């Protein structure tokens, strides 16, 4: 099963919980700041996402949405 995640860069505070939780290690911090001055998380290699939602479950800001693609 494949998945897709979307990280709202304006809600993300760069806590890195999602980075730690991702079993595929496809999330990293971006190179730039959001409008609030935080460095948000971004997704690399979306095609490896399984849609497990571990990242979204760990996000204290509820900045991550997960979709499953069959």
PDB file of N, CA and C in Angstrom:
ATOM      1  N   UNK A   1       0.842  -1.171   0.000  1.00  0.00           N
ATOM      2  CA  UNK A   1       0.000   0.000   0.000  1.00  0.00           C
ATOM      3  C   UNK A   1       0.891   1.240   0.000  1.00  0.00           C
ATOM      4  N   UNK A   2       0.475   2.248  -0.741  1.00  0.00           N
ATOM      5  CA  UNK A   2       1.230   3.487  -0.801  1.00  0.00           C
ATOM      6  C   UNK A   2       0.469   4.576  -0.070  1.00  0.00           C
ATOM      7  N   UNK A   3       1.198   5.553   0.367  1.00  0.00           N
ATOM      8  CA  UNK A   3       0.587   6.667   1.058  1.00  0.00           C
ATOM      9  C   UNK A   3       1.127   7.991   0.574  1.00  0.00           C
ATOM     10  N   UNK A   4       0.521   9.036   1.082  1.00  0.00           N
ATOM     11  CA  UNK A   4       0.961  10.386   0.760  1.00  0.00           C
ATOM     12  C   UNK A   4       0.737  11.239   1.998  1.00  0.00           C
ATOM     13  N   UNK A   5       1.714  12.057   2.334  1.00  0.00           N
ATOM     14  CA  UNK A   5       1.536  12.969   3.458  1.00  0.00           C
ATOM     15  C   UNK A   5       1.728  14.401   2.981  1.00  0.00           C
ATOM     16  N   UNK A   6       1.054  15.295   3.674  1.00  0.00           N
ATOM     17  CA  UNK A   6       1.207  16.717   3.398  1.00  0.00           C
ATOM     18  C   UNK A   6       1.474  17.410   4.721  1.00  0.00           C
ATOM     19  N   UNK A   7       2.559  18.165   4.765  1.00  0.00           N
ATOM     20  CA  UNK A   7       2.925  18.892   5.976  1.00  0.00           C
ATOM     21  C   UNK A   7       2.606  20.366   5.755  1.00  0.00           C
ATOM     22  N   UNK A   8       1.783  20.923   6.618  1.00  0.00           N
ATOM     23  CA  UNK A   8       1.458  22.340   6.543  1.00  0.00           C
ATOM     24  C   UNK A   8       2.634  23.116   7.130  1.00  0.00           C
ATOM     25  N   UNK A   9       3.418  23.726   6.257  1.00  0.00           N
ATOM     26  CA  UNK A   9       4.656  24.372   6.691  1.00  0.00           C
ATOM     27  C   UNK A   9       4.406  25.563   7.622  1.00  0.00           C
ATOM     28  N   UNK A  10       3.225  26.150   7.567  1.00  0.00           N
ATOM     29  CA  UNK A  10       2.933  27.281   8.445  1.00  0.00           C
ATOM     30  C   UNK A  10       2.522  26.840   9.850  1.00  0.00           C
ATOM     31  N   UNK A  11       2.013  25.630   9.996  1.00  0.00           N
ATOM     32  CA  UNK A  11       1.678  25.093  11.322  1.00  0.00           C
ATOM     33  C   UNK A  11       2.869  24.407  11.975  1.00  0.00           C
ATOM     34  N   UNK A  12       3.792  23.892  11.175  1.00  0.00           N
ATOM     35  CA  UNK A  12       4.933  23.124  11.677  1.00  0.00           C
ATOM     36  C   UNK A  12       5.904  24.021  12.437  1.00  0.00           C
ATOM     37  N   UNK A  13       6.323  23.556  13.621  1.00  0.00           N
ATOM     38  CA  UNK A  13       7.291  24.287  14.437  1.00  0.00           C
ATOM     39  C   UNK A  13       8.661  23.616  14.451  1.00  0.00           C
ATOM     40  N   UNK A  14       8.854  22.609  13.601  1.00  0.00           N
ATOM     41  CA  UNK A  14      10.164  21.977  13.480  1.00  0.00           C
ATOM     42  C   UNK A  14      10.604  21.183  14.685  1.00  0.00           C
ATOM     43  N   UNK A  15       9.686  20.558  15.377  1.00  0.00           N
ATOM     44  CA  UNK A  15      10.027  19.812  16.593  1.00  0.00           C
ATOM     45  C   UNK A  15      10.798  18.518  16.296  1.00  0.00           C
ATOM     46  N   UNK A  16      10.715  18.019  15.080  1.00  0.00           N
ATOM     47  CA  UNK A  16      11.381  16.798  14.583  1.00  0.00           C
ATOM     48  C   UNK A  16      10.765  15.494  15.094  1.00  0.00           C
ATOM     49  N   UNK A  17       9.628  15.540  15.772  1.00  0.00           N
ATOM     50  CA  UNK A  17       8.975  14.306  16.217  1.00  0.00           C
ATOM     51  C   UNK A  17       8.611  13.434  15.026  1.00  0.00           C
ATOM     52  N   UNK A  18       8.133  14.055  13.953  1.00  0.00           N
ATOM     53  CA  UNK A  18       7.752  13.288  12.759  1.00  0.00           C
ATOM     54  C   UNK A  18       8.967  12.643  12.108  1.00  0.00           C
ATOM     55  N   UNK A  19      10.086  13.325  12.138  1.00  0.00           N
ATOM     56  CA  UNK A  19      11.324  12.796  11.558  1.00  0.00           C
ATOM     57  C   UNK A  19      11.743  11.539  12.311  1.00  0.00           C
ATOM     58  N   UNK A  20      11.664  11.600  13.614  1.00  0.00           N
ATOM     59  CA  UNK A  20      12.022  10.458  14.457  1.00  0.00           C
ATOM     60  C   UNK A  20      11.039   9.299  14.279  1.00  0.00           C
ATOM     61  N   UNK A  21       9.762   9.613  14.118  1.00  0.00           N
ATOM     62  CA  UNK A  21       8.728   8.581  14.036  1.00  0.00           C
ATOM     63  C   UNK A  21       8.661   7.869  12.688  1.00  0.00           C
ATOM     64  N   UNK A  22       9.109   8.506  11.621  1.00  0.00           N
ATOM     65  CA  UNK A  22       8.960   7.933  10.283  1.00  0.00           C
ATOM     66  C   UNK A  22       9.844   6.701  10.101  1.00  0.00           C
ATOM     67  N   UNK A  23       9.232   5.520   9.872  1.00  0.00           N
ATOM     68  CA  UNK A  23      10.033   4.302   9.704  1.00  0.00           C
ATOM     69  C   UNK A  23      10.834   4.287   8.403  1.00  0.00           C
ATOM     70  N   UNK A  24      10.407   5.055   7.419  1.00  0.00           N
ATOM     71  CA  UNK A  24      11.111   5.111   6.125  1.00  0.00           C
ATOM     72  C   UNK A  24      12.153   6.226   6.075  1.00  0.00           C
ATOM     73  N   UNK A  25      12.175   7.084   7.074  1.00  0.00           N
ATOM     74  CA  UNK A  25      13.142   8.192   7.174  1.00  0.00           C
ATOM     75  C   UNK A  25      13.111   9.088   5.935  1.00  0.00           C
ATOM     76  N   UNK A  26      11.895   9.473   5.523  1.00  0.00           N
ATOM     77  CA  UNK A  26      11.746  10.315   4.333  1.00  0.00           C
ATOM     78  C   UNK A  26      11.385  11.763   4.677  1.00  0.00           C
ATOM     79  N   UNK A  27      11.388  12.108   5.962  1.00  0.00           N
ATOM     80  CA  UNK A  27      11.061  13.468   6.398  1.00  0.00           C
ATOM     81  C   UNK A  27      12.330  14.114   6.937  1.00  0.00           C
ATOM     82  N   UNK A  28      12.510  15.383   6.602  1.00  0.00           N
ATOM     83  CA  UNK A  28      13.675  16.146   7.067  1.00  0.00           C
ATOM     84  C   UNK A  28      13.240  17.582   7.319  1.00  0.00           C
ATOM     85  N   UNK A  29      14.110  18.370   7.922  1.00  0.00           N
ATOM     86  CA  UNK A  29      13.827  19.796   8.080  1.00  0.00           C
ATOM     87  C   UNK A  29      14.171  20.510   6.779  1.00  0.00           C
ATOM     88  N   UNK A  30      13.381  21.519   6.445  1.00  0.00           N
ATOM     89  CA  UNK A  30      13.603  22.264   5.205  1.00  0.00           C
ATOM     90  C   UNK A  30      14.815  23.192   5.363  1.00  0.00           C
ATOM     91  N   UNK A  31      15.187  23.814   4.272  1.00  0.00           N
ATOM     92  CA  UNK A  31      16.329  24.726   4.277  1.00  0.00           C
ATOM     93  C   UNK A  31      15.940  26.138   4.685  1.00  0.00           C
ATOM     94  N   UNK A  32      14.638  26.432   4.693  1.00  0.00           N
ATOM     95  CA  UNK A  32      14.195  27.797   4.993  1.00  0.00           C
ATOM     96  C   UNK A  32      13.198  27.856   6.130  1.00  0.00           C
ATOM     97  N   UNK A  33      12.849  29.067   6.485  1.00  0.00           N
ATOM     98  CA  UNK A  33      11.930  29.327   7.588  1.00  0.00           C
ATOM     99  C   UNK A  33      10.498  29.494   7.083  1.00  0.00           C
ATOM    100  N   UNK A  34       9.520  29.235   7.965  1.00  0.00           N
ATOM    101  CA  UNK A  34       8.137  29.564   7.634  1.00  0.00           C
ATOM    102  C   UNK A  34       7.863  30.991   8.106  1.00  0.00           C
ATOM    103  N   UNK A  35       6.647  31.470   7.950  1.00  0.00           N
ATOM    104  CA  UNK A  35       6.317  32.851   8.313  1.00  0.00           C
ATOM    105  C   UNK A  35       6.410  33.131   9.804  1.00  0.00           C
ATOM    106  N   UNK A  36       6.402  32.092  10.617  1.00  0.00           N
ATOM    107  CA  UNK A  36       6.514  32.260  12.071  1.00  0.00           C
ATOM    108  C   UNK A  36       7.958  32.174  12.556  1.00  0.00           C
ATOM    109  N   UNK A  37       8.897  31.922  11.645  1.00  0.00           N
ATOM    110  CA  UNK A  37      10.297  31.854  12.017  1.00  0.00           C
ATOM    111  C   UNK A  37      10.802  30.475  12.392  1.00  0.00           C
ATOM    112  N   UNK A  38       9.979  29.445  12.167  1.00  0.00           N
ATOM    113  CA  UNK A  38      10.387  28.068  12.439  1.00  0.00           C
ATOM    114  C   UNK A  38      10.906  27.418  11.163  1.00  0.00           C
ATOM    115  N   UNK A  39      11.732  26.396  11.320  1.00  0.00           N
ATOM    116  CA  UNK A  39      12.188  25.608  10.173  1.00  0.00           C
ATOM    117  C   UNK A  39      11.291  24.376  10.098  1.00  0.00           C
ATOM    118  N   UNK A  40      10.371  24.353   9.127  1.00  0.00           N
ATOM    119  CA  UNK A  40       9.401  23.258   9.064  1.00  0.00           C
ATOM    120  C   UNK A  40       9.964  21.980   8.440  1.00  0.00           C
ATOM    121  N   UNK A  41       9.269  20.901   8.675  1.00  0.00           N
ATOM    122  CA  UNK A  41       9.621  19.607   8.085  1.00  0.00           C
ATOM    123  C   UNK A  41       9.102  19.538   6.654  1.00  0.00           C
ATOM    124  N   UNK A  42       9.800  18.786   5.838  1.00  0.00           N
ATOM    125  CA  UNK A  42       9.391  18.523   4.455  1.00  0.00           C
ATOM    126  C   UNK A  42       9.608  17.044   4.161  1.00  0.00           C
ATOM    127  N   UNK A  43       8.987  16.576   3.079  1.00  0.00           N
ATOM    128  CA  UNK A  43       9.076  15.168   2.707  1.00  0.00           C
ATOM    129  C   UNK A  43      10.003  14.999   1.513  1.00  0.00           C
ATOM    130  N   UNK A  44      10.913  14.060   1.615  1.00  0.00           N
ATOM    131  CA  UNK A  44      11.749  13.633   0.491  1.00  0.00           C
ATOM    132  C   UNK A  44      11.245  12.255   0.069  1.00  0.00           C
ATOM    133  N   UNK A  45      11.310  11.959  -1.196  1.00  0.00           N
ATOM    134  CA  UNK A  45      10.991  10.623  -1.695  1.00  0.00           C
ATOM    135  C   UNK A  45       9.595  10.150  -1.279  1.00  0.00           C
ATOM    136  N   UNK A  46       8.593  10.953  -1.632  1.00  0.00           N
ATOM    137  CA  UNK A  46       7.203  10.633  -1.277  1.00  0.00           C
ATOM    138  C   UNK A  46       6.794   9.238  -1.750  1.00  0.00           C
ATOM    139  N   UNK A  47       7.404   8.770  -2.835  1.00  0.00           N
ATOM    140  CA  UNK A  47       7.049   7.452  -3.372  1.00  0.00           C
ATOM    141  C   UNK A  47       7.359   6.318  -2.394  1.00  0.00           C
ATOM    142  N   UNK A  48       8.179   6.571  -1.373  1.00  0.00           N
ATOM    143  CA  UNK A  48       8.477   5.547  -0.371  1.00  0.00           C
ATOM    144  C   UNK A  48       7.488   5.540   0.797  1.00  0.00           C
ATOM    145  N   UNK A  49       6.619   6.540   0.856  1.00  0.00           N
ATOM    146  CA  UNK A  49       5.661   6.643   1.961  1.00  0.00           C
ATOM    147  C   UNK A  49       4.670   5.478   1.909  1.00  0.00           C
ATOM    148  N   UNK A  50       4.443   4.852   3.066  1.00  0.00           N
ATOM    149  CA  UNK A  50       3.500   3.736   3.159  1.00  0.00           C
ATOM    150  C   UNK A  50       2.153   4.169   3.738  1.00  0.00           C
ATOM    151  N   UNK A  51       2.057   5.405   4.182  1.00  0.00           N
ATOM    152  CA  UNK A  51       0.812   5.881   4.772  1.00  0.00           C
ATOM    153  C   UNK A  51       0.571   5.365   6.170  1.00  0.00           C
ATOM    154  N   UNK A  52       1.618   5.026   6.876  1.00  0.00           N
ATOM    155  CA  UNK A  52       1.475   4.456   8.226  1.00  0.00           C
ATOM    156  C   UNK A  52       0.923   5.460   9.236  1.00  0.00           C
ATOM    157  N   UNK A  53       1.072   6.745   8.963  1.00  0.00           N
ATOM    158  CA  UNK A  53       0.556   7.840   9.794  1.00  0.00           C
ATOM    159  C   UNK A  53       1.282   8.025  11.123  1.00  0.00           C
ATOM    160  N   UNK A  54       2.417   7.401  11.293  1.00  0.00           N
ATOM    161  CA  UNK A  54       3.186   7.597  12.529  1.00  0.00           C
ATOM    162  C   UNK A  54       3.592   9.063  12.682  1.00  0.00           C
ATOM    163  N   UNK A  55       3.937   9.693  11.581  1.00  0.00           N
ATOM    164  CA  UNK A  55       4.339  11.103  11.615  1.00  0.00           C
ATOM    165  C   UNK A  55       3.190  11.979  12.115  1.00  0.00           C
ATOM    166  N   UNK A  56       2.001  11.751  11.587  1.00  0.00           N
ATOM    167  CA  UNK A  56       0.838  12.551  11.974  1.00  0.00           C
ATOM    168  C   UNK A  56       0.451  12.309  13.431  1.00  0.00           C
ATOM    169  N   UNK A  57       0.570  11.084  13.885  1.00  0.00           N
ATOM    170  CA  UNK A  57       0.241  10.773  15.277  1.00  0.00           C
ATOM    171  C   UNK A  57       1.181  11.464  16.252  1.00  0.00           C
ATOM    172  N   UNK A  58       2.425  11.658  15.853  1.00  0.00           N
ATOM    173  CA  UNK A  58       3.417  12.276  16.734  1.00  0.00           C
ATOM    174  C   UNK A  58       3.388  13.801  16.692  1.00  0.00           C
ATOM    175  N   UNK A  59       2.745  14.383  15.691  1.00  0.00           N
ATOM    176  CA  UNK A  59       2.788  15.833  15.492  1.00  0.00           C
ATOM    177  C   UNK A  59       1.935  16.582  16.517  1.00  0.00           C
ATOM    178  N   UNK A  60       2.562  17.354  17.417  1.00  0.00           N
ATOM    179  CA  UNK A  60       1.792  18.071  18.434  1.00  0.00           C
ATOM    180  C   UNK A  60       1.013  19.257  17.854  1.00  0.00           C
ATOM    181  N   UNK A  61       1.373  19.702  16.672  1.00  0.00           N
ATOM    182  CA  UNK A  61       0.706  20.849  16.051  1.00  0.00           C
ATOM    183  C   UNK A  61      -0.384  20.443  15.063  1.00  0.00           C
ATOM    184  N   UNK A  62      -0.590  19.145  14.866  1.00  0.00           N
ATOM    185  CA  UNK A  62      -1.564  18.604  13.913  1.00  0.00           C
ATOM    186  C   UNK A  62      -1.331  19.242  12.533  1.00  0.00           C
ATOM    187  N   UNK A  63      -0.070  19.238  12.118  1.00  0.00           N
ATOM    188  CA  UNK A  63       0.332  19.874  10.861  1.00  0.00           C
ATOM    189  C   UNK A  63       0.476  18.881   9.712  1.00  0.00           C
ATOM    190  N   UNK A  64       0.185  17.595   9.959  1.00  0.00           N
ATOM    191  CA  UNK A  64       0.406  16.570   8.941  1.00  0.00           C
ATOM    192  C   UNK A  64      -0.890  15.842   8.615  1.00  0.00           C
ATOM    193  N   UNK A  65      -1.197  15.757   7.324  1.00  0.00           N
ATOM    194  CA  UNK A  65      -2.330  14.978   6.839  1.00  0.00           C
ATOM    195  C   UNK A  65      -1.792  13.776   6.082  1.00  0.00           C
ATOM    196  N   UNK A  66      -2.475  12.645   6.213  1.00  0.00           N
ATOM    197  CA  UNK A  66      -2.039  11.395   5.580  1.00  0.00           C
ATOM    198  C   UNK A  66      -3.170  10.841   4.722  1.00  0.00           C
ATOM    199  N   UNK A  67      -2.829  10.387   3.517  1.00  0.00           N
ATOM    200  CA  UNK A  67      -3.772   9.721   2.626  1.00  0.00           C
ATOM    201  C   UNK A  67      -3.201   8.389   2.212  1.00  0.00           C
ATOM    202  N   UNK A  68      -4.066   7.394   2.086  1.00  0.00           N
ATOM    203  CA  UNK A  68      -3.673   6.082   1.573  1.00  0.00           C
ATOM    204  C   UNK A  68      -4.096   5.978   0.122  1.00  0.00           C
ATOM    205  N   UNK A  69      -3.211   5.447  -0.695  1.00  0.00           N
ATOM    206  CA  UNK A  69      -3.491   5.219  -2.103  1.00  0.00           C
ATOM    207  C   UNK A  69      -3.431   3.720  -2.359  1.00  0.00           C
ATOM    208  N   UNK A  70      -4.465   3.158  -2.930  1.00  0.00           N
ATOM    209  CA  UNK A  70      -4.477   1.720  -3.176  1.00  0.00           C
ATOM    210  C   UNK A  70      -4.127   1.410  -4.600  1.00  0.00           C
TER     211      UNK A  70
END
